[in-house]
Amino acid sequence: MGTTVAAPSREQALAKTAFALMGDWKVAPTPENYELFYVYAAGTNAALGKIIDTMIREKTPFTQPFLQGLCNQFLARERTAQTMEDVGAGISGMLDAVMGRLERAGKDAGEYGRTLSAASGELGGNQSPAAVAKMVERLVGATHAMEARTKALESELQRSSEHVTELKTQLDTVRKESRIDPLTGVANRKAFDIELQAAIKDARQDGSSVALMMCDIDHFKRFNDTWGHQTGDQVLRLVANCLSENVKGRDTAARYGGEEFVVILRQTPLEGAAKLAEQIRANVENKKLVKKSTGDILGTITISIGVSQLRDNDTPDLFLQRADRSLYRAKNTGRNRVVTETDLVRTASSHAA
């Protein structure tokens, strides 16, 4: 009789494909790299698939810094979604278990109550000493059993409480990760929107100033088209680092989208924000972009910055619009410069005159 060989599972086939690709392209067999190529082989992430397809088609080497960037950009989202699913399942299971324990505890308490009621009824009659002793023995046994069940319930609830603490820690971690841009390490758009609302609310309460910087990398598309997305990612990280290095702890630097960044400056008037913006602009310009694989200097990066200050009746949108208009003016008057909303007013006045 012949032996039947089971067909390989889809997971085994994907694993084989992932390892084969890693071998063909001399990718280091780290857990993160394997996970990256497994997701690519599975075809579950279209954006990741497009990038790796392009790399393979153009026969571009998979350097470790580039792979790390892909891991930061794509795997973080996959893990966040999986963690949220796991935490949700954990909470659901824990609640079911706790409800079951409380239901059992209720039944135990009801049974104990009925035992006490029965004993109370028996005491009403003429009972012999032996019957009373037997009844007392039964009550003592029931009480001990109830104490044991109560202690067991306390232990189970304590374990559930510890589990809740663990789940809360996981949720806190996921919440923090969900507000970070995985490529650059600064806050993402979601975190920026939340922080902007908070900054405006605080300023309304204490009368403090809030300024907003909107930054755009000059000729970013040219970097991407000339040197590839890997170099483009390096440019984004460089600018993000410059922003992070120049803002205070109470301020928020965030990636707004694409090659645009924003900075919320609490307790900062427009003049101070303009000086800081100029400092950041100069710092970025002084950075040299180096191709990590060869050490070649690819040139300098410049950014344009628009600055606005919160007004009494501002909504977040109006606040942003003035910073965006200032940025637009900076881009259209030569780039690599800072323009504030006051500059816009001066320009409009001079044109009117």
Protein backbone atom coordinates (compact mmCIF):
# COMPACT_ATOMS: atom_id res chain seq x y z
CA MET A 1 0.00 0.00 0.00
CA GLY A 2 1.37 3.44 -0.94
CA THR A 3 1.94 6.22 1.55
CA THR A 4 -0.15 9.39 1.21
CA VAL A 5 1.87 12.56 1.56
CA ALA A 6 -0.11 15.54 2.80
CA ALA A 7 0.00 18.61 0.60
CA PRO A 8 2.01 21.45 2.14
CA SER A 9 -0.13 24.03 3.92
CA ARG A 10 -0.38 27.55 2.61
CA GLU A 11 1.74 28.76 5.53
CA GLN A 12 4.50 26.29 4.64
CA ALA A 13 4.40 27.35 1.01
CA LEU A 14 4.62 31.05 1.95
CA ALA A 15 7.49 30.35 4.32
CA LYS A 16 9.34 28.47 1.57
CA THR A 17 8.80 31.36 -0.87
CA ALA A 18 9.95 33.92 1.69
CA PHE A 19 13.16 32.02 2.49
CA ALA A 20 13.86 31.46 -1.21
CA LEU A 21 13.53 35.19 -1.95
CA MET A 22 15.76 36.08 0.99
CA GLY A 23 18.38 33.63 -0.27
CA ASP A 24 18.21 34.91 -3.84
CA TRP A 25 18.66 38.52 -2.73
CA LYS A 26 21.19 37.80 0.03
CA VAL A 27 18.91 39.17 2.76
CA ALA A 28 20.11 38.52 6.31
CA PRO A 29 17.86 35.84 7.92
CA THR A 30 16.66 37.95 10.84
CA PRO A 31 13.15 37.44 12.28
CA GLU A 32 12.04 40.89 11.10
CA ASN A 33 13.35 40.35 7.57
CA TYR A 34 11.62 36.97 7.41
CA GLU A 35 8.35 38.52 8.58
CA LEU A 36 8.72 41.24 5.93
CA PHE A 37 9.19 38.74 3.09
CA TYR A 38 6.47 36.46 4.45
CA VAL A 39 3.98 39.37 4.32
CA TYR A 40 5.24 40.14 0.80
CA ALA A 41 4.80 36.52 -0.30
CA ALA A 42 1.31 36.43 1.20
CA GLY A 43 0.31 39.50 -0.81
CA THR A 44 -1.65 41.01 2.07
CA ASN A 45 0.01 44.45 1.91
CA ALA A 46 -0.27 46.08 -1.52
CA ALA A 47 2.00 49.06 -0.70
CA LEU A 48 4.79 46.82 0.56
CA GLY A 49 4.34 44.51 -2.42
CA LYS A 50 4.71 47.42 -4.85
CA ILE A 51 7.98 48.56 -3.27
CA ILE A 52 9.56 45.09 -3.19
CA ASP A 53 8.33 44.35 -6.73
CA THR A 54 10.10 47.50 -7.92
CA MET A 55 13.29 46.57 -6.06
CA ILE A 56 13.28 43.09 -7.63
CA ARG A 57 12.44 44.37 -11.11
CA GLU A 58 15.21 46.97 -11.00
CA LYS A 59 17.62 44.50 -9.32
CA THR A 60 18.28 46.92 -6.48
CA PRO A 61 20.13 45.38 -3.49
CA PHE A 62 18.15 45.04 -0.27
CA THR A 63 20.40 46.83 2.21
CA GLN A 64 19.71 46.36 5.90
CA PRO A 65 18.93 50.06 6.56
CA PHE A 66 16.37 49.96 3.75
CA LEU A 67 14.86 46.74 5.08
CA GLN A 68 14.71 48.24 8.56
CA GLY A 69 12.84 51.20 7.12
CA LEU A 70 10.31 48.86 5.51
CA CYS A 71 9.91 47.01 8.80
CA ASN A 72 9.30 50.27 10.66
CA GLN A 73 6.85 51.47 8.04
CA PHE A 74 4.79 48.34 7.40
CA LEU A 75 5.27 45.73 10.11
CA ALA A 76 4.42 48.17 12.91
CA ARG A 77 0.92 48.57 11.47
CA GLU A 78 0.46 44.81 11.09
CA ARG A 79 1.58 44.22 14.67
CA THR A 80 -0.60 47.02 16.01
CA ALA A 81 -3.68 45.54 14.34
CA GLN A 82 -2.80 42.06 15.63
CA THR A 83 -2.16 43.35 19.14
CA MET A 84 -5.51 45.14 19.17
CA GLU A 85 -7.20 41.92 18.05
CA ASP A 86 -5.38 39.89 20.72
CA VAL A 87 -6.19 42.42 23.45
CA GLY A 88 -9.84 42.49 22.40
CA ALA A 89 -10.03 38.70 22.50
CA GLY A 90 -8.30 38.71 25.89
CA ILE A 91 -10.75 41.21 27.35
CA SER A 92 -13.73 39.31 25.95
CA GLY A 93 -12.48 36.00 27.35
CA MET A 94 -11.68 37.53 30.72
CA LEU A 95 -15.11 39.13 31.01
CA ASP A 96 -16.79 35.82 30.15
CA ALA A 97 -14.70 34.07 32.82
CA VAL A 98 -15.43 36.74 35.46
CA MET A 99 -19.16 36.64 34.72
CA GLY A 100 -19.10 32.85 35.05
CA ARG A 101 -17.32 33.07 38.39
CA LEU A 102 -19.73 35.68 39.71
CA GLU A 103 -22.68 33.57 38.58
CA ARG A 104 -21.27 30.56 40.43
CA ALA A 105 -20.63 32.75 43.48
CA GLY A 106 -24.27 33.87 43.40
CA LYS A 107 -25.48 30.29 43.29
CA ASP A 108 -23.14 29.35 46.15
CA ALA A 109 -24.40 32.26 48.24
CA GLY A 110 -28.03 31.27 47.51
CA GLU A 111 -27.36 27.67 48.53
CA TYR A 112 -25.67 28.81 51.73
CA GLY A 113 -28.61 31.11 52.48
CA ARG A 114 -31.06 28.23 52.05
CA THR A 115 -28.98 26.13 54.43
CA LEU A 116 -29.16 28.88 57.05
CA SER A 117 -32.91 29.27 56.55
CA ALA A 118 -33.46 25.55 56.97
CA ALA A 119 -31.40 25.55 60.16
CA SER A 120 -33.39 28.49 61.48
CA GLY A 121 -36.63 26.56 60.91
CA GLU A 122 -35.29 23.50 62.68
CA LEU A 123 -34.33 25.55 65.71
CA GLY A 124 -37.97 26.50 66.16
CA GLY A 125 -38.99 22.99 67.20
CA ASN A 126 -38.09 20.78 70.12
CA GLN A 127 -34.80 19.33 69.03
CA SER A 128 -32.80 16.77 70.93
CA PRO A 129 -29.23 17.65 71.82
CA ALA A 130 -28.02 15.13 69.25
CA ALA A 131 -30.14 16.72 66.51
CA VAL A 132 -28.92 20.18 67.45
CA ALA A 133 -25.31 18.97 67.43
CA LYS A 134 -25.84 17.42 63.99
CA MET A 135 -27.41 20.63 62.72
CA VAL A 136 -24.53 22.71 64.08
CA GLU A 137 -22.07 20.32 62.45
CA ARG A 138 -23.90 20.78 59.15
CA LEU A 139 -23.82 24.58 59.52
CA VAL A 140 -20.10 24.57 60.33
CA GLY A 141 -19.41 22.43 57.27
CA ALA A 142 -21.50 24.71 55.06
CA THR A 143 -19.74 27.78 56.47
CA HIS A 144 -16.30 26.28 55.86
CA ALA A 145 -17.29 25.36 52.32
CA MET A 146 -18.57 28.90 51.73
CA GLU A 147 -15.32 30.35 53.10
CA ALA A 148 -13.30 28.12 50.77
CA ARG A 149 -15.38 29.15 47.75
CA THR A 150 -15.07 32.83 48.72
CA LYS A 151 -11.27 32.55 48.98
CA ALA A 152 -11.14 30.78 45.62
CA LEU A 153 -13.23 33.56 44.08
CA GLU A 154 -10.94 36.20 45.59
CA SER A 155 -7.91 34.45 44.09
CA GLU A 156 -9.56 34.19 40.69
CA LEU A 157 -10.58 37.84 40.75
CA GLN A 158 -7.03 38.81 41.77
CA ARG A 159 -5.67 36.93 38.76
CA SER A 160 -8.26 38.64 36.57
CA SER A 161 -7.17 42.02 37.96
CA GLU A 162 -3.54 41.23 37.11
CA HIS A 163 -4.63 40.20 33.63
CA VAL A 164 -6.50 43.50 33.23
CA THR A 165 -3.31 45.36 34.21
CA GLU A 166 -1.34 43.45 31.57
CA LEU A 167 -3.96 44.19 28.92
CA LYS A 168 -3.99 47.87 29.90
CA THR A 169 -0.20 47.99 29.48
CA GLN A 170 -0.55 46.43 26.04
CA LEU A 171 -3.24 48.93 25.07
CA ASP A 172 -1.12 51.85 26.31
CA THR A 173 1.78 50.61 24.20
CA VAL A 174 -0.42 50.21 21.13
CA ARG A 175 -1.94 53.65 21.70
CA LYS A 176 1.51 55.24 21.77
CA GLU A 177 2.65 53.32 18.70
CA SER A 178 -0.50 54.28 16.82
CA ARG A 179 0.42 57.96 17.24
CA ILE A 180 3.98 57.65 15.90
CA ASP A 181 4.95 57.85 12.24
CA PRO A 182 6.90 54.59 11.82
CA LEU A 183 9.26 55.94 9.15
CA THR A 184 10.44 59.13 10.87
CA GLY A 185 9.74 58.48 14.55
CA VAL A 186 7.89 61.78 15.09
CA ALA A 187 4.17 62.11 15.80
CA ASN A 188 1.77 61.21 13.00
CA ARG A 189 -1.21 63.16 11.65
CA LYS A 190 -3.61 61.61 14.17
CA ALA A 191 -1.41 62.63 17.11
CA PHE A 192 -0.96 66.11 15.63
CA ASP A 193 -4.72 66.67 15.38
CA ILE A 194 -5.16 65.63 19.01
CA GLU A 195 -2.27 67.79 20.25
CA LEU A 196 -3.43 70.82 18.26
CA GLN A 197 -6.88 70.64 19.84
CA ALA A 198 -5.28 70.34 23.28
CA ALA A 199 -2.88 73.24 22.68
CA ILE A 200 -5.72 75.52 21.54
CA LYS A 201 -7.84 74.54 24.55
CA ASP A 202 -4.97 75.21 26.99
CA ALA A 203 -4.21 78.56 25.36
CA ARG A 204 -7.86 79.61 25.72
CA GLN A 205 -7.75 78.75 29.42
CA ASP A 206 -4.44 80.35 30.41
CA GLY A 207 -4.16 83.08 27.77
CA SER A 208 -0.83 81.82 26.47
CA SER A 209 0.44 82.07 22.89
CA VAL A 210 0.56 79.16 20.45
CA ALA A 211 2.42 79.20 17.16
CA LEU A 212 2.31 76.73 14.30
CA MET A 213 5.03 75.89 11.79
CA MET A 214 4.29 74.10 8.51
CA CYS A 215 7.37 72.78 6.73
CA ASP A 216 7.83 71.31 3.26
CA ILE A 217 10.97 69.67 1.83
CA ASP A 218 12.06 71.52 -1.29
CA HIS A 219 12.28 69.47 -4.52
CA PHE A 220 11.53 66.25 -2.64
CA LYS A 221 10.16 64.54 -5.77
CA ARG A 222 13.48 65.17 -7.48
CA PHE A 223 15.31 63.29 -4.72
CA ASN A 224 12.94 60.36 -5.10
CA ASP A 225 13.13 60.29 -8.88
CA THR A 226 16.91 60.69 -8.96
CA TRP A 227 18.05 58.52 -6.07
CA GLY A 228 15.08 56.27 -5.31
CA HIS A 229 12.63 55.88 -2.43
CA GLN A 230 15.32 54.64 -0.06
CA THR A 231 17.13 57.98 -0.31
CA GLY A 232 13.80 59.79 -0.11
CA ASP A 233 13.09 58.01 3.18
CA GLN A 234 16.53 59.05 4.41
CA VAL A 235 15.68 62.69 3.60
CA LEU A 236 12.41 62.45 5.55
CA ARG A 237 14.19 61.01 8.59
CA LEU A 238 16.89 63.69 8.43
CA VAL A 239 14.35 66.52 8.45
CA ALA A 240 12.33 64.84 11.21
CA ASN A 241 15.49 64.57 13.34
CA CYS A 242 16.25 68.26 12.82
CA LEU A 243 12.76 69.19 13.98
CA SER A 244 12.94 66.91 17.02
CA GLU A 245 16.32 68.29 18.04
CA ASN A 246 15.07 71.88 18.00
CA VAL A 247 11.72 71.67 19.79
CA LYS A 248 11.08 71.66 23.54
CA GLY A 249 9.39 68.90 25.51
CA ARG A 250 6.00 70.62 25.56
CA ASP A 251 6.05 71.14 21.76
CA THR A 252 5.01 68.62 19.13
CA ALA A 253 6.76 67.85 15.84
CA ALA A 254 4.71 65.70 13.49
CA ARG A 255 4.68 64.37 9.96
CA TYR A 256 1.63 65.95 8.36
CA GLY A 257 1.71 63.90 5.19
CA GLY A 258 4.14 63.08 2.38
CA GLU A 259 7.07 65.48 2.68
CA GLU A 260 5.22 67.97 4.91
CA PHE A 261 5.88 68.38 8.62
CA VAL A 262 4.19 70.54 11.27
CA VAL A 263 5.34 71.80 14.65
CA ILE A 264 3.07 73.03 17.47
CA LEU A 265 4.88 75.56 19.64
CA ARG A 266 3.15 76.12 22.98
CA GLN A 267 3.68 79.35 24.94
CA THR A 268 5.50 80.80 21.94
CA PRO A 269 4.61 84.09 20.19
CA LEU A 270 4.98 84.55 16.44
CA GLU A 271 8.32 86.33 16.67
CA GLY A 272 9.88 83.53 18.72
CA ALA A 273 8.43 80.90 16.38
CA ALA A 274 9.89 82.71 13.36
CA LYS A 275 13.36 82.75 14.95
CA LEU A 276 13.12 79.03 15.72
CA ALA A 277 11.90 78.32 12.18
CA GLU A 278 14.91 80.14 10.76
CA GLN A 279 17.19 78.16 13.06
CA ILE A 280 15.65 74.89 11.87
CA ARG A 281 15.84 75.96 8.22
CA ALA A 282 19.56 76.75 8.58
CA ASN A 283 20.26 73.49 10.41
CA VAL A 284 18.63 71.45 7.66
CA GLU A 285 20.53 73.33 4.96
CA ASN A 286 23.84 72.63 6.72
CA LYS A 287 23.20 68.87 6.70
CA LYS A 288 24.87 66.82 3.99
CA LEU A 289 22.89 63.99 2.47
CA VAL A 290 25.16 60.95 2.24
CA LYS A 291 24.32 57.75 0.36
CA LYS A 292 24.91 55.12 3.04
CA SER A 293 25.77 52.30 0.65
CA THR A 294 28.59 54.24 -1.07
CA GLY A 295 29.39 57.20 1.18
CA ASP A 296 28.78 59.59 -1.72
CA ILE A 297 27.52 63.08 -0.85
CA LEU A 298 24.29 63.58 -2.77
CA GLY A 299 23.88 67.25 -1.96
CA THR A 300 22.07 69.44 0.53
CA ILE A 301 18.45 69.53 1.59
CA THR A 302 16.43 72.69 2.06
CA ILE A 303 13.00 73.29 3.50
CA SER A 304 10.44 76.06 3.26
CA ILE A 305 8.49 77.03 6.38
CA GLY A 306 5.26 78.93 6.98
CA VAL A 307 4.43 80.25 10.48
CA SER A 308 1.14 81.37 12.02
CA GLN A 309 -0.02 82.35 15.50
CA LEU A 310 -3.29 81.41 17.20
CA ARG A 311 -5.95 84.13 17.16
CA ASP A 312 -8.90 84.56 19.52
CA ASN A 313 -11.56 83.12 17.23
CA ASP A 314 -9.39 80.54 15.46
CA THR A 315 -10.53 77.03 14.73
CA PRO A 316 -7.81 74.44 14.08
CA ASP A 317 -8.56 74.70 10.33
CA LEU A 318 -8.17 78.48 10.25
CA PHE A 319 -4.96 78.26 12.26
CA LEU A 320 -3.59 75.71 9.79
CA GLN A 321 -4.76 77.61 6.73
CA ARG A 322 -2.67 80.68 7.62
CA ALA A 323 0.42 78.54 8.17
CA ASP A 324 -0.26 76.80 4.85
CA ARG A 325 -0.68 80.11 3.00
CA SER A 326 2.60 81.32 4.51
CA LEU A 327 4.29 78.10 3.39
CA TYR A 328 2.84 78.53 -0.09
CA ARG A 329 4.34 82.02 -0.26
CA ALA A 330 7.73 80.69 0.88
CA LYS A 331 7.65 78.02 -1.85
CA ASN A 332 6.67 80.55 -4.53
CA THR A 333 9.25 83.19 -3.63
CA GLY A 334 12.34 81.05 -4.02
CA ARG A 335 12.05 78.22 -1.42
CA ASN A 336 14.53 77.64 1.43
CA ARG A 337 13.01 80.47 3.47
CA VAL A 338 10.65 81.28 6.34
CA VAL A 339 7.47 83.29 5.79
CA THR A 340 5.10 84.29 8.60
CA GLU A 341 1.47 85.37 8.45
CA THR A 342 2.67 88.91 9.24
CA ASP A 343 4.77 88.85 6.08
CA LEU A 344 1.62 87.99 4.14
CA VAL A 345 -0.15 91.04 5.55
CA ARG A 346 2.83 93.30 4.70
CA THR A 347 2.92 91.95 1.15
CA ALA A 348 -0.80 92.49 0.71
CA SER A 349 -0.51 96.06 2.06
CA SER A 350 2.38 96.92 -0.27
CA HIS A 351 0.43 95.61 -3.26
CA ALA A 352 -2.59 97.66 -2.23
CA ALA A 353 -0.46 100.78 -1.95
